[in-house]
Amino acid sequence: MISSVAEMYEIHPQTLRLYEREGLLRPSRSEGNTRLYTDEDLERLEFILNLARDLGVNIAGIAIVLQMRERMEEMNRQMQGFVDYVRTEMLSRMQQQQDPGAGLVPLRRPVVVPGKVVSGKVVPGKVVAGKTVKTGKKK
């Protein structure tokens, strides 16, 4: 109720109406159109009163500070979402590295291990992917 909140914070009810008209406060309303202030509304009011009383900020300045504060909170939520995404992605990739063979893509063509020279003779290469590779000898 506007009168009890005004009394609690030692301000005139018209001040609360002004803050609401300027968009600084947005209390919900009952079916009888009575203003209902939540704990969040009261914390916001305390912040507004601190700016106005202690720091001498006018209503336009308060509106700018509140807008910047909301933007910073939104950016913080976005950054937290990004950090959570990176953390999840890193954990996923670390688990893939611990599981041998995970993340390996099968090749469509055979991979040939090249031959090597032993005592002046060429030892033919091996087939790795299941196909026979010609070693250069004719039958």
N, C-alpha and C. Protein backbone atom coordinates (compact mmCIF):
# COMPACT_ATOMS: atom_id res chain seq x y z
N MET A 1 0.83 -1.17 0.00
CA MET A 1 0.00 0.00 0.00
C MET A 1 0.88 1.24 0.00
N ILE A 2 0.48 2.23 -0.80
CA ILE A 2 1.33 3.40 -1.01
C ILE A 2 1.56 4.20 0.28
N SER A 3 0.53 4.33 1.12
CA SER A 3 0.68 5.13 2.34
C SER A 3 1.64 4.48 3.33
N SER A 4 1.58 3.15 3.46
CA SER A 4 2.49 2.48 4.40
C SER A 4 3.93 2.50 3.91
N VAL A 5 4.12 2.37 2.58
CA VAL A 5 5.49 2.44 2.03
C VAL A 5 6.03 3.85 2.18
N ALA A 6 5.20 4.85 1.90
CA ALA A 6 5.63 6.25 2.05
C ALA A 6 6.02 6.54 3.50
N GLU A 7 5.23 6.05 4.42
CA GLU A 7 5.52 6.26 5.83
C GLU A 7 6.81 5.54 6.24
N MET A 8 6.98 4.31 5.75
CA MET A 8 8.16 3.52 6.11
C MET A 8 9.46 4.21 5.64
N TYR A 9 9.42 4.86 4.47
CA TYR A 9 10.63 5.49 3.93
C TYR A 9 10.65 7.00 4.13
N GLU A 10 9.68 7.50 4.90
CA GLU A 10 9.60 8.92 5.22
C GLU A 10 9.61 9.80 3.98
N ILE A 11 8.73 9.45 3.04
CA ILE A 11 8.55 10.26 1.83
C ILE A 11 7.05 10.49 1.62
N HIS A 12 6.73 11.48 0.85
CA HIS A 12 5.32 11.78 0.56
C HIS A 12 4.79 10.77 -0.46
N PRO A 13 3.54 10.35 -0.33
CA PRO A 13 2.96 9.42 -1.32
C PRO A 13 3.05 9.95 -2.76
N GLN A 14 3.01 11.28 -2.91
CA GLN A 14 3.12 11.85 -4.26
C GLN A 14 4.50 11.56 -4.88
N THR A 15 5.50 11.44 -4.02
CA THR A 15 6.84 11.10 -4.52
C THR A 15 6.82 9.70 -5.13
N LEU A 16 6.17 8.78 -4.47
CA LEU A 16 6.03 7.43 -5.02
C LEU A 16 5.25 7.44 -6.33
N ARG A 17 4.18 8.24 -6.36
CA ARG A 17 3.40 8.35 -7.60
C ARG A 17 4.24 8.94 -8.73
N LEU A 18 5.08 9.93 -8.39
CA LEU A 18 5.98 10.52 -9.39
C LEU A 18 6.97 9.49 -9.91
N TYR A 19 7.57 8.73 -9.01
CA TYR A 19 8.52 7.69 -9.43
C TYR A 19 7.84 6.67 -10.34
N GLU A 20 6.59 6.37 -10.02
CA GLU A 20 5.85 5.42 -10.86
C GLU A 20 5.53 6.05 -12.22
N ARG A 21 5.08 7.30 -12.23
CA ARG A 21 4.76 8.00 -13.47
C ARG A 21 5.98 8.12 -14.38
N GLU A 22 7.15 8.32 -13.78
CA GLU A 22 8.39 8.45 -14.55
C GLU A 22 8.97 7.10 -14.96
N GLY A 23 8.36 6.01 -14.49
CA GLY A 23 8.81 4.68 -14.87
C GLY A 23 9.94 4.14 -14.01
N LEU A 24 10.23 4.81 -12.91
CA LEU A 24 11.31 4.36 -12.04
C LEU A 24 10.87 3.19 -11.17
N LEU A 25 9.60 3.17 -10.80
CA LEU A 25 9.01 2.08 -10.01
C LEU A 25 7.84 1.51 -10.79
N ARG A 26 7.65 0.20 -10.67
CA ARG A 26 6.53 -0.45 -11.36
C ARG A 26 5.84 -1.43 -10.42
N PRO A 27 5.16 -0.92 -9.39
CA PRO A 27 4.48 -1.84 -8.48
C PRO A 27 3.29 -2.50 -9.19
N SER A 28 2.99 -3.72 -8.78
CA SER A 28 1.81 -4.38 -9.34
C SER A 28 0.57 -3.80 -8.66
N ARG A 29 -0.58 -4.19 -9.17
CA ARG A 29 -1.82 -3.65 -8.62
C ARG A 29 -2.77 -4.79 -8.25
N SER A 30 -3.55 -4.56 -7.22
CA SER A 30 -4.57 -5.53 -6.81
C SER A 30 -5.80 -5.33 -7.69
N GLU A 31 -6.81 -6.16 -7.48
CA GLU A 31 -8.06 -6.02 -8.24
C GLU A 31 -8.75 -4.69 -7.92
N GLY A 32 -8.52 -4.19 -6.73
CA GLY A 32 -9.09 -2.90 -6.34
C GLY A 32 -8.21 -1.73 -6.73
N ASN A 33 -7.16 -1.98 -7.55
CA ASN A 33 -6.23 -0.98 -8.07
C ASN A 33 -5.28 -0.42 -7.00
N THR A 34 -5.12 -1.14 -5.89
CA THR A 34 -4.17 -0.74 -4.85
C THR A 34 -2.77 -1.17 -5.27
N ARG A 35 -1.81 -0.29 -5.06
CA ARG A 35 -0.42 -0.60 -5.41
C ARG A 35 0.11 -1.66 -4.45
N LEU A 36 0.76 -2.66 -5.02
CA LEU A 36 1.36 -3.74 -4.22
C LEU A 36 2.87 -3.73 -4.47
N TYR A 37 3.64 -3.46 -3.42
CA TYR A 37 5.09 -3.36 -3.53
C TYR A 37 5.74 -4.67 -3.09
N THR A 38 6.52 -5.26 -3.96
CA THR A 38 7.25 -6.48 -3.63
C THR A 38 8.56 -6.10 -2.94
N ASP A 39 9.26 -7.10 -2.43
CA ASP A 39 10.58 -6.84 -1.83
C ASP A 39 11.52 -6.25 -2.88
N GLU A 40 11.42 -6.74 -4.10
CA GLU A 40 12.26 -6.21 -5.19
C GLU A 40 11.94 -4.73 -5.45
N ASP A 41 10.64 -4.38 -5.42
CA ASP A 41 10.24 -2.98 -5.59
C ASP A 41 10.82 -2.11 -4.48
N LEU A 42 10.79 -2.62 -3.26
CA LEU A 42 11.31 -1.86 -2.12
C LEU A 42 12.83 -1.70 -2.19
N GLU A 43 13.53 -2.73 -2.66
CA GLU A 43 14.98 -2.61 -2.85
C GLU A 43 15.29 -1.56 -3.91
N ARG A 44 14.50 -1.57 -4.99
CA ARG A 44 14.68 -0.58 -6.06
C ARG A 44 14.39 0.82 -5.52
N LEU A 45 13.35 0.97 -4.69
CA LEU A 45 13.03 2.27 -4.08
C LEU A 45 14.18 2.74 -3.20
N GLU A 46 14.75 1.85 -2.41
CA GLU A 46 15.89 2.22 -1.57
C GLU A 46 17.06 2.70 -2.41
N PHE A 47 17.30 2.04 -3.54
CA PHE A 47 18.38 2.45 -4.44
C PHE A 47 18.08 3.85 -4.99
N ILE A 48 16.83 4.07 -5.41
CA ILE A 48 16.42 5.37 -5.95
C ILE A 48 16.60 6.47 -4.89
N LEU A 49 16.13 6.18 -3.68
CA LEU A 49 16.25 7.17 -2.60
C LEU A 49 17.70 7.45 -2.25
N ASN A 50 18.55 6.43 -2.32
CA ASN A 50 19.98 6.62 -2.08
C ASN A 50 20.56 7.57 -3.12
N LEU A 51 20.21 7.35 -4.39
CA LEU A 51 20.70 8.23 -5.45
C LEU A 51 20.20 9.67 -5.24
N ALA A 52 18.92 9.79 -4.92
CA ALA A 52 18.33 11.13 -4.79
C ALA A 52 18.80 11.85 -3.53
N ARG A 53 18.71 11.19 -2.38
CA ARG A 53 19.01 11.84 -1.10
C ARG A 53 20.51 12.00 -0.86
N ASP A 54 21.24 10.90 -1.01
CA ASP A 54 22.65 10.90 -0.62
C ASP A 54 23.57 11.46 -1.70
N LEU A 55 23.20 11.22 -2.96
CA LEU A 55 24.09 11.65 -4.05
C LEU A 55 23.56 12.85 -4.83
N GLY A 56 22.33 13.26 -4.55
CA GLY A 56 21.78 14.45 -5.21
C GLY A 56 21.46 14.27 -6.69
N VAL A 57 21.19 13.04 -7.11
CA VAL A 57 20.89 12.77 -8.51
C VAL A 57 19.43 13.12 -8.77
N ASN A 58 19.17 13.82 -9.89
CA ASN A 58 17.78 14.17 -10.23
C ASN A 58 17.08 12.98 -10.90
N ILE A 59 15.78 13.16 -11.19
CA ILE A 59 14.97 12.05 -11.72
C ILE A 59 15.51 11.56 -13.06
N ALA A 60 15.91 12.47 -13.93
CA ALA A 60 16.46 12.06 -15.23
C ALA A 60 17.74 11.24 -15.04
N GLY A 61 18.58 11.67 -14.11
CA GLY A 61 19.81 10.93 -13.82
C GLY A 61 19.54 9.56 -13.22
N ILE A 62 18.53 9.51 -12.35
CA ILE A 62 18.14 8.22 -11.75
C ILE A 62 17.68 7.26 -12.84
N ALA A 63 16.88 7.78 -13.78
CA ALA A 63 16.39 6.94 -14.89
C ALA A 63 17.56 6.38 -15.69
N ILE A 64 18.56 7.19 -15.96
CA ILE A 64 19.73 6.74 -16.73
C ILE A 64 20.51 5.69 -15.94
N VAL A 65 20.72 5.93 -14.66
CA VAL A 65 21.46 4.98 -13.82
C VAL A 65 20.73 3.64 -13.77
N LEU A 66 19.40 3.68 -13.60
CA LEU A 66 18.62 2.44 -13.55
C LEU A 66 18.67 1.69 -14.88
N GLN A 67 18.59 2.45 -15.97
CA GLN A 67 18.67 1.82 -17.30
C GLN A 67 20.03 1.16 -17.51
N MET A 68 21.09 1.85 -17.14
CA MET A 68 22.43 1.27 -17.27
C MET A 68 22.58 0.05 -16.38
N ARG A 69 22.01 0.11 -15.19
CA ARG A 69 22.07 -1.02 -14.27
C ARG A 69 21.37 -2.25 -14.86
N GLU A 70 20.20 -2.04 -15.47
CA GLU A 70 19.47 -3.14 -16.11
C GLU A 70 20.26 -3.71 -17.28
N ARG A 71 20.88 -2.84 -18.07
CA ARG A 71 21.72 -3.32 -19.18
C ARG A 71 22.89 -4.16 -18.68
N MET A 72 23.52 -3.69 -17.62
CA MET A 72 24.65 -4.43 -17.05
C MET A 72 24.20 -5.80 -16.53
N GLU A 73 23.03 -5.85 -15.90
CA GLU A 73 22.52 -7.13 -15.41
C GLU A 73 22.23 -8.07 -16.57
N GLU A 74 21.68 -7.55 -17.67
CA GLU A 74 21.41 -8.37 -18.85
C GLU A 74 22.72 -8.87 -19.47
N MET A 75 23.71 -8.00 -19.56
CA MET A 75 25.02 -8.41 -20.10
C MET A 75 25.64 -9.47 -19.20
N ASN A 76 25.48 -9.32 -17.91
CA ASN A 76 26.01 -10.31 -16.96
C ASN A 76 25.34 -11.67 -17.17
N ARG A 77 24.00 -11.66 -17.38
CA ARG A 77 23.28 -12.91 -17.65
C ARG A 77 23.79 -13.55 -18.95
N GLN A 78 24.00 -12.73 -19.98
CA GLN A 78 24.50 -13.26 -21.25
C GLN A 78 25.90 -13.84 -21.10
N MET A 79 26.75 -13.13 -20.37
CA MET A 79 28.12 -13.62 -20.15
C MET A 79 28.09 -14.93 -19.36
N GLN A 80 27.23 -15.02 -18.37
CA GLN A 80 27.12 -16.24 -17.58
C GLN A 80 26.66 -17.40 -18.45
N GLY A 81 25.71 -17.12 -19.35
CA GLY A 81 25.26 -18.14 -20.30
C GLY A 81 26.39 -18.60 -21.20
N PHE A 82 27.21 -17.65 -21.66
CA PHE A 82 28.34 -17.99 -22.52
C PHE A 82 29.37 -18.81 -21.76
N VAL A 83 29.66 -18.42 -20.53
CA VAL A 83 30.63 -19.17 -19.70
C VAL A 83 30.12 -20.59 -19.47
N ASP A 84 28.83 -20.73 -19.19
CA ASP A 84 28.25 -22.07 -19.00
C ASP A 84 28.38 -22.90 -20.26
N TYR A 85 28.13 -22.28 -21.43
CA TYR A 85 28.26 -22.99 -22.70
C TYR A 85 29.71 -23.46 -22.93
N VAL A 86 30.67 -22.56 -22.70
CA VAL A 86 32.09 -22.91 -22.90
C VAL A 86 32.49 -24.02 -21.93
N ARG A 87 32.05 -23.93 -20.69
CA ARG A 87 32.38 -24.96 -19.69
C ARG A 87 31.83 -26.32 -20.14
N THR A 88 30.58 -26.34 -20.58
CA THR A 88 29.97 -27.58 -21.03
C THR A 88 30.70 -28.15 -22.25
N GLU A 89 31.03 -27.28 -23.17
CA GLU A 89 31.74 -27.71 -24.39
C GLU A 89 33.12 -28.26 -24.05
N MET A 90 33.83 -27.60 -23.14
CA MET A 90 35.16 -28.07 -22.77
C MET A 90 35.09 -29.42 -22.07
N LEU A 91 34.13 -29.58 -21.16
CA LEU A 91 33.97 -30.87 -20.46
C LEU A 91 33.65 -31.98 -21.46
N SER A 92 32.81 -31.67 -22.42
CA SER A 92 32.45 -32.65 -23.44
C SER A 92 33.67 -33.06 -24.24
N ARG A 93 34.47 -32.09 -24.64
CA ARG A 93 35.68 -32.40 -25.44
C ARG A 93 36.72 -33.13 -24.61
N MET A 94 36.81 -32.81 -23.34
CA MET A 94 37.77 -33.52 -22.48
C MET A 94 37.36 -34.98 -22.33
N GLN A 95 36.06 -35.23 -22.21
CA GLN A 95 35.58 -36.60 -22.11
C GLN A 95 35.83 -37.36 -23.40
N GLN A 96 35.70 -36.70 -24.53
CA GLN A 96 35.98 -37.33 -25.82
C GLN A 96 37.45 -37.72 -25.92
N GLN A 97 38.33 -36.88 -25.39
CA GLN A 97 39.76 -37.19 -25.44
C GLN A 97 40.10 -38.37 -24.55
N GLN A 98 39.39 -38.56 -23.46
CA GLN A 98 39.64 -39.68 -22.57
C GLN A 98 39.14 -40.98 -23.17
N ASP A 99 38.17 -40.93 -24.08
CA ASP A 99 37.63 -42.11 -24.74
C ASP A 99 38.37 -42.30 -26.06
N PRO A 100 39.35 -43.24 -26.14
CA PRO A 100 40.11 -43.41 -27.37
C PRO A 100 39.18 -43.79 -28.51
N GLY A 101 39.42 -43.19 -29.62
CA GLY A 101 38.61 -43.48 -30.80
C GLY A 101 37.42 -42.56 -30.92
N ALA A 102 37.04 -41.90 -29.84
CA ALA A 102 35.92 -40.98 -29.92
C ALA A 102 36.37 -39.76 -30.72
N GLY A 103 35.53 -39.31 -31.57
CA GLY A 103 35.85 -38.14 -32.37
C GLY A 103 36.61 -38.47 -33.63
N LEU A 104 37.00 -39.74 -33.82
CA LEU A 104 37.69 -40.13 -35.05
C LEU A 104 36.65 -40.40 -36.12
N VAL A 105 36.94 -39.95 -37.31
CA VAL A 105 36.01 -40.12 -38.43
C VAL A 105 36.58 -41.20 -39.35
N PRO A 106 35.79 -42.23 -39.71
CA PRO A 106 36.31 -43.26 -40.60
C PRO A 106 36.56 -42.70 -42.00
N LEU A 107 37.65 -43.16 -42.62
CA LEU A 107 37.99 -42.71 -43.97
C LEU A 107 37.35 -43.63 -44.99
N ARG A 108 37.03 -43.11 -46.15
CA ARG A 108 36.40 -43.90 -47.21
C ARG A 108 37.44 -44.62 -48.07
N ARG A 109 38.66 -44.18 -48.05
CA ARG A 109 39.69 -44.84 -48.86
C ARG A 109 40.74 -45.43 -47.94
N PRO A 110 41.44 -46.42 -48.43
CA PRO A 110 42.44 -47.06 -47.57
C PRO A 110 43.63 -46.14 -47.31
N VAL A 111 44.23 -46.34 -46.16
CA VAL A 111 45.44 -45.62 -45.81
C VAL A 111 46.59 -46.59 -45.92
N VAL A 112 47.60 -46.22 -46.69
CA VAL A 112 48.74 -47.10 -46.93
C VAL A 112 49.92 -46.61 -46.12
N VAL A 113 50.51 -47.55 -45.39
CA VAL A 113 51.73 -47.25 -44.67
C VAL A 113 52.85 -47.50 -45.66
N PRO A 114 53.65 -46.50 -45.98
CA PRO A 114 54.68 -46.68 -47.02
C PRO A 114 55.71 -47.74 -46.65
N GLY A 115 56.29 -48.33 -47.71
CA GLY A 115 57.34 -49.34 -47.52
C GLY A 115 58.61 -48.69 -47.00
N LYS A 116 59.52 -49.54 -46.53
CA LYS A 116 60.79 -49.01 -46.04
C LYS A 116 61.94 -49.83 -46.61
N VAL A 117 63.10 -49.28 -46.59
CA VAL A 117 64.29 -49.94 -47.12
C VAL A 117 65.01 -50.64 -45.99
N VAL A 118 65.20 -51.98 -46.15
CA VAL A 118 65.92 -52.77 -45.16
C VAL A 118 67.02 -53.51 -45.90
N SER A 119 68.27 -53.28 -45.52
CA SER A 119 69.44 -53.92 -46.14
C SER A 119 69.43 -53.76 -47.65
N GLY A 120 69.10 -52.56 -48.12
CA GLY A 120 69.14 -52.30 -49.55
C GLY A 120 67.95 -52.81 -50.33
N LYS A 121 66.98 -53.48 -49.69
CA LYS A 121 65.80 -54.00 -50.37
C LYS A 121 64.57 -53.24 -49.89
N VAL A 122 63.60 -53.05 -50.80
CA VAL A 122 62.35 -52.37 -50.44
C VAL A 122 61.37 -53.39 -49.90
N VAL A 123 60.91 -53.17 -48.70
CA VAL A 123 59.89 -54.00 -48.10
C VAL A 123 58.56 -53.32 -48.40
N PRO A 124 57.61 -54.05 -49.04
CA PRO A 124 56.36 -53.40 -49.43
C PRO A 124 55.57 -52.88 -48.24
N GLY A 125 54.70 -51.91 -48.56
CA GLY A 125 53.84 -51.31 -47.54
C GLY A 125 52.70 -52.24 -47.16
N LYS A 126 51.91 -51.83 -46.17
CA LYS A 126 50.79 -52.62 -45.68
C LYS A 126 49.48 -51.90 -46.02
N VAL A 127 48.41 -52.68 -46.09
CA VAL A 127 47.09 -52.10 -46.26
C VAL A 127 46.49 -51.93 -44.88
N VAL A 128 45.98 -50.75 -44.61
CA VAL A 128 45.43 -50.50 -43.30
C VAL A 128 43.90 -50.60 -43.32
N ALA A 129 43.27 -50.21 -44.40
CA ALA A 129 41.81 -50.12 -44.40
C ALA A 129 41.13 -51.25 -45.16
N GLY A 130 41.76 -52.37 -45.38
CA GLY A 130 41.08 -53.53 -45.93
C GLY A 130 41.25 -53.78 -47.42
N LYS A 131 41.91 -52.93 -48.15
CA LYS A 131 42.11 -53.17 -49.58
C LYS A 131 43.55 -53.59 -49.83
N THR A 132 43.74 -54.37 -50.88
CA THR A 132 45.07 -54.81 -51.22
C THR A 132 45.76 -53.69 -52.01
N VAL A 133 46.99 -53.46 -51.70
CA VAL A 133 47.76 -52.44 -52.41
C VAL A 133 48.83 -53.13 -53.21
N LYS A 134 49.00 -52.69 -54.46
CA LYS A 134 50.06 -53.26 -55.30
C LYS A 134 51.41 -52.83 -54.76
N THR A 135 52.32 -53.79 -54.73
CA THR A 135 53.64 -53.51 -54.18
C THR A 135 54.67 -53.29 -55.28
N GLY A 136 54.24 -53.35 -56.50
CA GLY A 136 55.19 -53.14 -57.60
C GLY A 136 55.64 -54.42 -58.24
N LYS A 137 55.41 -55.59 -57.63
CA LYS A 137 55.80 -56.89 -58.20
C LYS A 137 54.71 -57.35 -59.15
N LYS A 138 55.13 -57.90 -60.29
CA LYS A 138 54.17 -58.46 -61.25
C LYS A 138 54.14 -59.94 -61.11
N LYS A 139 52.96 -60.53 -61.27
CA LYS A 139 52.83 -61.98 -61.15
C LYS A 139 53.02 -62.63 -62.46
